[in-house]
Amino acid sequence: MHETHLVKNILKYLEEEEKVSSRKIRKIYIALSEFGGISREHFLEHYRQESLGSRWNNLDIEFKKRIFGPELEITRIDFNPLN
């Protein structure tokens, strides 16, 4: 499934971003194309399955619809503040 592979790559990306920043991710922002094949609900269904048991299982995700552009794009990542 395209979405399962996509979510697995997103989780790998989040892991790398945490390693580079040395901070935990608290929220990601995702833009979905109006003309793409992925809906918010469909993405979340696959995300919940693939992230189950991981530290990103309850990650806050904010979605935005775009008329044009990539099917799915992570547009921003918020990290926990440094202590």
PDB file of N, CA and C in Angstrom:
ATOM      1  N   MET A   1       0.836  -1.193   0.000  1.00  0.00           N
ATOM      2  CA  MET A   1       0.000   0.000   0.000  1.00  0.00           C
ATOM      3  C   MET A   1       0.879   1.255   0.000  1.00  0.00           C
ATOM      4  N   HIS A   2       0.536   2.152  -0.815  1.00  0.00           N
ATOM      5  CA  HIS A   2       1.261   3.414  -0.949  1.00  0.00           C
ATOM      6  C   HIS A   2       1.282   4.183   0.369  1.00  0.00           C
ATOM      7  N   GLU A   3       0.142   4.264   1.046  1.00  0.00           N
ATOM      8  CA  GLU A   3       0.054   5.047   2.274  1.00  0.00           C
ATOM      9  C   GLU A   3       0.883   4.438   3.402  1.00  0.00           C
ATOM     10  N   THR A   4       0.889   3.115   3.507  1.00  0.00           N
ATOM     11  CA  THR A   4       1.679   2.453   4.548  1.00  0.00           C
ATOM     12  C   THR A   4       3.164   2.755   4.357  1.00  0.00           C
ATOM     13  N   HIS A   5       3.633   2.657   3.131  1.00  0.00           N
ATOM     14  CA  HIS A   5       5.033   2.963   2.826  1.00  0.00           C
ATOM     15  C   HIS A   5       5.331   4.433   3.131  1.00  0.00           C
ATOM     16  N   LEU A   6       4.416   5.300   2.786  1.00  0.00           N
ATOM     17  CA  LEU A   6       4.565   6.735   3.036  1.00  0.00           C
ATOM     18  C   LEU A   6       4.679   7.018   4.533  1.00  0.00           C
ATOM     19  N   VAL A   7       3.810   6.421   5.322  1.00  0.00           N
ATOM     20  CA  VAL A   7       3.832   6.644   6.776  1.00  0.00           C
ATOM     21  C   VAL A   7       5.116   6.093   7.386  1.00  0.00           C
ATOM     22  N   LYS A   8       5.565   4.944   6.937  1.00  0.00           N
ATOM     23  CA  LYS A   8       6.826   4.392   7.460  1.00  0.00           C
ATOM     24  C   LYS A   8       7.987   5.351   7.184  1.00  0.00           C
ATOM     25  N   ASN A   9       7.997   5.944   6.003  1.00  0.00           N
ATOM     26  CA  ASN A   9       9.042   6.923   5.678  1.00  0.00           C
ATOM     27  C   ASN A   9       8.916   8.176   6.528  1.00  0.00           C
ATOM     28  N   ILE A  10       7.715   8.601   6.813  1.00  0.00           N
ATOM     29  CA  ILE A  10       7.502   9.773   7.682  1.00  0.00           C
ATOM     30  C   ILE A  10       8.033   9.482   9.077  1.00  0.00           C
ATOM     31  N   LEU A  11       7.756   8.302   9.612  1.00  0.00           N
ATOM     32  CA  LEU A  11       8.242   7.951  10.947  1.00  0.00           C
ATOM     33  C   LEU A  11       9.766   7.910  10.991  1.00  0.00           C
ATOM     34  N   LYS A  12      10.394   7.411   9.936  1.00  0.00           N
ATOM     35  CA  LYS A  12      11.863   7.426   9.855  1.00  0.00           C
ATOM     36  C   LYS A  12      12.377   8.864   9.816  1.00  0.00           C
ATOM     37  N   TYR A  13      11.696   9.696   9.059  1.00  0.00           N
ATOM     38  CA  TYR A  13      12.067  11.114   8.967  1.00  0.00           C
ATOM     39  C   TYR A  13      11.963  11.793  10.335  1.00  0.00           C
ATOM     40  N   LEU A  14      10.879  11.531  11.056  1.00  0.00           N
ATOM     41  CA  LEU A  14      10.715  12.127  12.390  1.00  0.00           C
ATOM     42  C   LEU A  14      11.820  11.674  13.338  1.00  0.00           C
ATOM     43  N   GLU A  15      12.179  10.401  13.254  1.00  0.00           N
ATOM     44  CA  GLU A  15      13.266   9.878  14.091  1.00  0.00           C
ATOM     45  C   GLU A  15      14.573  10.610  13.795  1.00  0.00           C
ATOM     46  N   GLU A  16      14.875  10.808  12.526  1.00  0.00           N
ATOM     47  CA  GLU A  16      16.096  11.522  12.142  1.00  0.00           C
ATOM     48  C   GLU A  16      16.068  12.978  12.612  1.00  0.00           C
ATOM     49  N   GLU A  17      14.920  13.627  12.485  1.00  0.00           N
ATOM     50  CA  GLU A  17      14.802  15.020  12.922  1.00  0.00           C
ATOM     51  C   GLU A  17      15.022  15.148  14.428  1.00  0.00           C
ATOM     52  N   GLU A  18      14.529  14.196  15.199  1.00  0.00           N
ATOM     53  CA  GLU A  18      14.772  14.217  16.647  1.00  0.00           C
ATOM     54  C   GLU A  18      16.251  14.010  16.962  1.00  0.00           C
ATOM     55  N   LYS A  19      16.904  13.130  16.241  1.00  0.00           N
ATOM     56  CA  LYS A  19      18.337  12.893  16.465  1.00  0.00           C
ATOM     57  C   LYS A  19      19.143  14.152  16.172  1.00  0.00           C
ATOM     58  N   VAL A  20      18.841  14.802  15.057  1.00  0.00           N
ATOM     59  CA  VAL A  20      19.573  15.994  14.644  1.00  0.00           C
ATOM     60  C   VAL A  20      19.357  17.142  15.624  1.00  0.00           C
ATOM     61  N   SER A  21      18.126  17.309  16.082  1.00  0.00           N
ATOM     62  CA  SER A  21      17.809  18.446  16.957  1.00  0.00           C
ATOM     63  C   SER A  21      18.059  18.153  18.443  1.00  0.00           C
ATOM     64  N   SER A  22      18.173  16.882  18.801  1.00  0.00           N
ATOM     65  CA  SER A  22      18.300  16.444  20.201  1.00  0.00           C
ATOM     66  C   SER A  22      17.101  16.888  21.037  1.00  0.00           C
ATOM     67  N   ARG A  23      15.950  17.025  20.388  1.00  0.00           N
ATOM     68  CA  ARG A  23      14.705  17.377  21.084  1.00  0.00           C
ATOM     69  C   ARG A  23      13.575  16.498  20.560  1.00  0.00           C
ATOM     70  N   LYS A  24      12.569  16.330  21.396  1.00  0.00           N
ATOM     71  CA  LYS A  24      11.413  15.527  21.000  1.00  0.00           C
ATOM     72  C   LYS A  24      10.430  16.385  20.199  1.00  0.00           C
ATOM     73  N   ILE A  25       9.833  15.752  19.218  1.00  0.00           N
ATOM     74  CA  ILE A  25       8.827  16.415  18.394  1.00  0.00           C
ATOM     75  C   ILE A  25       7.504  16.411  19.142  1.00  0.00           C
ATOM     76  N   ARG A  26       6.826  17.557  19.126  1.00  0.00           N
ATOM     77  CA  ARG A  26       5.517  17.607  19.770  1.00  0.00           C
ATOM     78  C   ARG A  26       4.382  17.807  18.782  1.00  0.00           C
ATOM     79  N   LYS A  27       4.683  18.342  17.593  1.00  0.00           N
ATOM     80  CA  LYS A  27       3.615  18.580  16.620  1.00  0.00           C
ATOM     81  C   LYS A  27       4.205  18.661  15.214  1.00  0.00           C
ATOM     82  N   ILE A  28       3.454  18.109  14.251  1.00  0.00           N
ATOM     83  CA  ILE A  28       3.844  18.266  12.849  1.00  0.00           C
ATOM     84  C   ILE A  28       2.672  18.856  12.079  1.00  0.00           C
ATOM     85  N   TYR A  29       3.007  19.554  11.019  1.00  0.00           N
ATOM     86  CA  TYR A  29       2.017  20.187  10.154  1.00  0.00           C
ATOM     87  C   TYR A  29       2.134  19.542   8.780  1.00  0.00           C
ATOM     88  N   ILE A  30       1.009  19.073   8.276  1.00  0.00           N
ATOM     89  CA  ILE A  30       0.998  18.378   6.993  1.00  0.00           C
ATOM     90  C   ILE A  30       0.035  19.074   6.044  1.00  0.00           C
ATOM     91  N   ALA A  31       0.514  19.338   4.829  1.00  0.00           N
ATOM     92  CA  ALA A  31      -0.334  19.893   3.777  1.00  0.00           C
ATOM     93  C   ALA A  31      -0.701  18.754   2.828  1.00  0.00           C
ATOM     94  N   LEU A  32      -1.995  18.648   2.520  1.00  0.00           N
ATOM     95  CA  LEU A  32      -2.498  17.649   1.592  1.00  0.00           C
ATOM     96  C   LEU A  32      -3.058  18.347   0.363  1.00  0.00           C
ATOM     97  N   SER A  33      -2.743  17.835  -0.802  1.00  0.00           N
ATOM     98  CA  SER A  33      -3.233  18.413  -2.046  1.00  0.00           C
ATOM     99  C   SER A  33      -4.701  18.056  -2.261  1.00  0.00           C
ATOM    100  N   GLU A  34      -5.477  19.033  -2.679  1.00  0.00           N
ATOM    101  CA  GLU A  34      -6.883  18.800  -3.015  1.00  0.00           C
ATOM    102  C   GLU A  34      -7.012  17.751  -4.108  1.00  0.00           C
ATOM    103  N   PHE A  35      -6.027  17.704  -5.010  1.00  0.00           N
ATOM    104  CA  PHE A  35      -6.083  16.793  -6.140  1.00  0.00           C
ATOM    105  C   PHE A  35      -5.279  15.519  -5.915  1.00  0.00           C
ATOM    106  N   GLY A  36      -4.759  15.347  -4.716  1.00  0.00           N
ATOM    107  CA  GLY A  36      -4.016  14.139  -4.387  1.00  0.00           C
ATOM    108  C   GLY A  36      -4.962  13.013  -4.016  1.00  0.00           C
ATOM    109  N   GLY A  37      -4.424  11.851  -3.857  1.00  0.00           N
ATOM    110  CA  GLY A  37      -5.238  10.683  -3.559  1.00  0.00           C
ATOM    111  C   GLY A  37      -5.353  10.357  -2.082  1.00  0.00           C
ATOM    112  N   ILE A  38      -4.845  11.228  -1.216  1.00  0.00           N
ATOM    113  CA  ILE A  38      -4.851  10.940   0.221  1.00  0.00           C
ATOM    114  C   ILE A  38      -5.745  11.950   0.938  1.00  0.00           C
ATOM    115  N   SER A  39      -6.706  11.439   1.680  1.00  0.00           N
ATOM    116  CA  SER A  39      -7.537  12.303   2.514  1.00  0.00           C
ATOM    117  C   SER A  39      -6.971  12.304   3.927  1.00  0.00           C
ATOM    118  N   ARG A  40      -7.368  13.272   4.711  1.00  0.00           N
ATOM    119  CA  ARG A  40      -6.940  13.375   6.112  1.00  0.00           C
ATOM    120  C   ARG A  40      -7.289  12.084   6.860  1.00  0.00           C
ATOM    121  N   GLU A  41      -8.513  11.624   6.705  1.00  0.00           N
ATOM    122  CA  GLU A  41      -8.993  10.442   7.419  1.00  0.00           C
ATOM    123  C   GLU A  41      -8.230   9.187   6.998  1.00  0.00           C
ATOM    124  N   HIS A  42      -7.986   9.062   5.710  1.00  0.00           N
ATOM    125  CA  HIS A  42      -7.262   7.893   5.197  1.00  0.00           C
ATOM    126  C   HIS A  42      -5.817   7.897   5.699  1.00  0.00           C
ATOM    127  N   PHE A  43      -5.190   9.061   5.681  1.00  0.00           N
ATOM    128  CA  PHE A  43      -3.824   9.156   6.188  1.00  0.00           C
ATOM    129  C   PHE A  43      -3.789   8.784   7.669  1.00  0.00           C
ATOM    130  N   LEU A  44      -4.713   9.338   8.459  1.00  0.00           N
ATOM    131  CA  LEU A  44      -4.718   9.068   9.901  1.00  0.00           C
ATOM    132  C   LEU A  44      -4.952   7.593  10.203  1.00  0.00           C
ATOM    133  N   GLU A  45      -5.766   6.930   9.402  1.00  0.00           N
ATOM    134  CA  GLU A  45      -6.005   5.504   9.597  1.00  0.00           C
ATOM    135  C   GLU A  45      -4.689   4.732   9.470  1.00  0.00           C
ATOM    136  N   HIS A  46      -3.936   5.016   8.427  1.00  0.00           N
ATOM    137  CA  HIS A  46      -2.647   4.351   8.235  1.00  0.00           C
ATOM    138  C   HIS A  46      -1.624   4.810   9.271  1.00  0.00           C
ATOM    139  N   TYR A  47      -1.643   6.075   9.614  1.00  0.00           N
ATOM    140  CA  TYR A  47      -0.700   6.606  10.605  1.00  0.00           C
ATOM    141  C   TYR A  47      -0.905   5.907  11.950  1.00  0.00           C
ATOM    142  N   ARG A  48      -2.150   5.782  12.377  1.00  0.00           N
ATOM    143  CA  ARG A  48      -2.438   5.126  13.665  1.00  0.00           C
ATOM    144  C   ARG A  48      -1.953   3.679  13.675  1.00  0.00           C
ATOM    145  N   GLN A  49      -2.149   2.968  12.566  1.00  0.00           N
ATOM    146  CA  GLN A  49      -1.704   1.577  12.484  1.00  0.00           C
ATOM    147  C   GLN A  49      -0.182   1.474  12.569  1.00  0.00           C
ATOM    148  N   GLU A  50       0.516   2.299  11.815  1.00  0.00           N
ATOM    149  CA  GLU A  50       1.978   2.211  11.738  1.00  0.00           C
ATOM    150  C   GLU A  50       2.681   2.796  12.965  1.00  0.00           C
ATOM    151  N   SER A  51       2.066   3.765  13.634  1.00  0.00           N
ATOM    152  CA  SER A  51       2.719   4.406  14.779  1.00  0.00           C
ATOM    153  C   SER A  51       2.351   3.756  16.106  1.00  0.00           C
ATOM    154  N   LEU A  52       1.464   2.787  16.077  1.00  0.00           N
ATOM    155  CA  LEU A  52       1.023   2.118  17.298  1.00  0.00           C
ATOM    156  C   LEU A  52       2.225   1.578  18.068  1.00  0.00           C
ATOM    157  N   GLY A  53       2.325   1.956  19.320  1.00  0.00           N
ATOM    158  CA  GLY A  53       3.428   1.508  20.166  1.00  0.00           C
ATOM    159  C   GLY A  53       4.687   2.341  20.047  1.00  0.00           C
ATOM    160  N   SER A  54       4.685   3.324  19.160  1.00  0.00           N
ATOM    161  CA  SER A  54       5.864   4.187  19.013  1.00  0.00           C
ATOM    162  C   SER A  54       5.656   5.479  19.801  1.00  0.00           C
ATOM    163  N   ARG A  55       6.715   6.244  19.923  1.00  0.00           N
ATOM    164  CA  ARG A  55       6.605   7.512  20.658  1.00  0.00           C
ATOM    165  C   ARG A  55       5.810   8.551  19.881  1.00  0.00           C
ATOM    166  N   TRP A  56       5.503   8.282  18.623  1.00  0.00           N
ATOM    167  CA  TRP A  56       4.727   9.220  17.808  1.00  0.00           C
ATOM    168  C   TRP A  56       3.263   8.817  17.693  1.00  0.00           C
ATOM    169  N   ASN A  57       2.855   7.837  18.490  1.00  0.00           N
ATOM    170  CA  ASN A  57       1.478   7.346  18.438  1.00  0.00           C
ATOM    171  C   ASN A  57       0.458   8.455  18.706  1.00  0.00           C
ATOM    172  N   ASN A  58       0.727   9.314  19.652  1.00  0.00           N
ATOM    173  CA  ASN A  58      -0.219  10.383  20.006  1.00  0.00           C
ATOM    174  C   ASN A  58       0.287  11.758  19.583  1.00  0.00           C
ATOM    175  N   LEU A  59       1.102  11.800  18.569  1.00  0.00           N
ATOM    176  CA  LEU A  59       1.660  13.058  18.082  1.00  0.00           C
ATOM    177  C   LEU A  59       0.546  13.973  17.581  1.00  0.00           C
ATOM    178  N   ASP A  60       0.652  15.238  17.910  1.00  0.00           N
ATOM    179  CA  ASP A  60      -0.306  16.230  17.438  1.00  0.00           C
ATOM    180  C   ASP A  60      -0.003  16.518  15.966  1.00  0.00           C
ATOM    181  N   ILE A  61      -1.006  16.338  15.112  1.00  0.00           N
ATOM    182  CA  ILE A  61      -0.849  16.566  13.676  1.00  0.00           C
ATOM    183  C   ILE A  61      -1.903  17.567  13.226  1.00  0.00           C
ATOM    184  N   GLU A  62      -1.446  18.612  12.569  1.00  0.00           N
ATOM    185  CA  GLU A  62      -2.365  19.609  12.031  1.00  0.00           C
ATOM    186  C   GLU A  62      -2.323  19.520  10.505  1.00  0.00           C
ATOM    187  N   PHE A  63      -3.498  19.478   9.902  1.00  0.00           N
ATOM    188  CA  PHE A  63      -3.603  19.343   8.450  1.00  0.00           C
ATOM    189  C   PHE A  63      -4.075  20.645   7.816  1.00  0.00           C
ATOM    190  N   LYS A  64      -3.589  20.856   6.597  1.00  0.00           N
ATOM    191  CA  LYS A  64      -4.011  21.990   5.788  1.00  0.00           C
ATOM    192  C   LYS A  64      -4.209  21.473   4.369  1.00  0.00           C
ATOM    193  N   LYS A  65      -5.281  21.912   3.726  1.00  0.00           N
ATOM    194  CA  LYS A  65      -5.523  21.533   2.332  1.00  0.00           C
ATOM    195  C   LYS A  65      -4.902  22.574   1.423  1.00  0.00           C
ATOM    196  N   ARG A  66      -4.275  22.091   0.357  1.00  0.00           N
ATOM    197  CA  ARG A  66      -3.712  22.959  -0.674  1.00  0.00           C
ATOM    198  C   ARG A  66      -4.383  22.629  -1.995  1.00  0.00           C
ATOM    199  N   ILE A  67      -4.578  23.637  -2.795  1.00  0.00           N
ATOM    200  CA  ILE A  67      -5.169  23.397  -4.104  1.00  0.00           C
ATOM    201  C   ILE A  67      -4.159  22.715  -5.009  1.00  0.00           C
ATOM    202  N   PHE A  68      -2.927  23.212  -5.018  1.00  0.00           N
ATOM    203  CA  PHE A  68      -1.870  22.652  -5.859  1.00  0.00           C
ATOM    204  C   PHE A  68      -0.695  22.250  -4.987  1.00  0.00           C
ATOM    205  N   GLY A  69       0.172  21.448  -5.534  1.00  0.00           N
ATOM    206  CA  GLY A  69       1.382  21.065  -4.819  1.00  0.00           C
ATOM    207  C   GLY A  69       1.473  19.571  -4.638  1.00  0.00           C
ATOM    208  N   PRO A  70       2.469  19.147  -3.875  1.00  0.00           N
ATOM    209  CA  PRO A  70       2.671  17.712  -3.657  1.00  0.00           C
ATOM    210  C   PRO A  70       1.459  17.080  -2.980  1.00  0.00           C
ATOM    211  N   GLU A  71       1.309  15.794  -3.182  1.00  0.00           N
ATOM    212  CA  GLU A  71       0.193  15.057  -2.585  1.00  0.00           C
ATOM    213  C   GLU A  71       0.186  15.219  -1.058  1.00  0.00           C
ATOM    214  N   LEU A  72       1.370  15.116  -0.452  1.00  0.00           N
ATOM    215  CA  LEU A  72       1.524  15.269   0.993  1.00  0.00           C
ATOM    216  C   LEU A  72       2.874  15.912   1.255  1.00  0.00           C
ATOM    217  N   GLU A  73       2.881  16.897   2.147  1.00  0.00           N
ATOM    218  CA  GLU A  73       4.142  17.558   2.483  1.00  0.00           C
ATOM    219  C   GLU A  73       4.132  17.933   3.959  1.00  0.00           C
ATOM    220  N   ILE A  74       5.209  17.595   4.656  1.00  0.00           N
ATOM    221  CA  ILE A  74       5.382  18.075   6.025  1.00  0.00           C
ATOM    222  C   ILE A  74       5.908  19.499   5.902  1.00  0.00           C
ATOM    223  N   THR A  75       5.130  20.456   6.359  1.00  0.00           N
ATOM    224  CA  THR A  75       5.494  21.860   6.170  1.00  0.00           C
ATOM    225  C   THR A  75       6.175  22.472   7.385  1.00  0.00           C
ATOM    226  N   ARG A  76       6.030  21.821   8.530  1.00  0.00           N
ATOM    227  CA  ARG A  76       6.628  22.377   9.754  1.00  0.00           C
ATOM    228  C   ARG A  76       6.663  21.300  10.835  1.00  0.00           C
ATOM    229  N   ILE A  77       7.665  21.396  11.689  1.00  0.00           N
ATOM    230  CA  ILE A  77       7.782  20.514  12.857  1.00  0.00           C
ATOM    231  C   ILE A  77       8.016  21.390  14.071  1.00  0.00           C
ATOM    232  N   ASP A  78       7.226  21.176  15.113  1.00  0.00           N
ATOM    233  CA  ASP A  78       7.448  21.865  16.382  1.00  0.00           C
ATOM    234  C   ASP A  78       8.090  20.882  17.347  1.00  0.00           C
ATOM    235  N   PHE A  79       9.154  21.340  17.986  1.00  0.00           N
ATOM    236  CA  PHE A  79       9.864  20.517  18.971  1.00  0.00           C
ATOM    237  C   PHE A  79       9.541  21.020  20.374  1.00  0.00           C
ATOM    238  N   ASN A  80       9.719  20.148  21.347  1.00  0.00           N
ATOM    239  CA  ASN A  80       9.619  20.582  22.736  1.00  0.00           C
ATOM    240  C   ASN A  80      10.734  21.594  22.994  1.00  0.00           C
ATOM    241  N   PRO A  81      10.467  22.595  23.823  1.00  0.00           N
ATOM    242  CA  PRO A  81      11.512  23.589  24.097  1.00  0.00           C
ATOM    243  C   PRO A  81      12.690  22.968  24.836  1.00  0.00           C
ATOM    244  N   LEU A  82      13.846  23.596  24.654  1.00  0.00           N
ATOM    245  CA  LEU A  82      15.043  23.173  25.392  1.00  0.00           C
ATOM    246  C   LEU A  82      14.886  23.558  26.841  1.00  0.00           C
ATOM    247  N   ASN A  83      15.333  22.696  27.724  1.00  0.00           N
ATOM    248  CA  ASN A  83      15.254  23.012  29.160  1.00  0.00           C
ATOM    249  C   ASN A  83      16.539  23.615  29.650  1.00  0.00           C
TER     250      ASN A  83
END
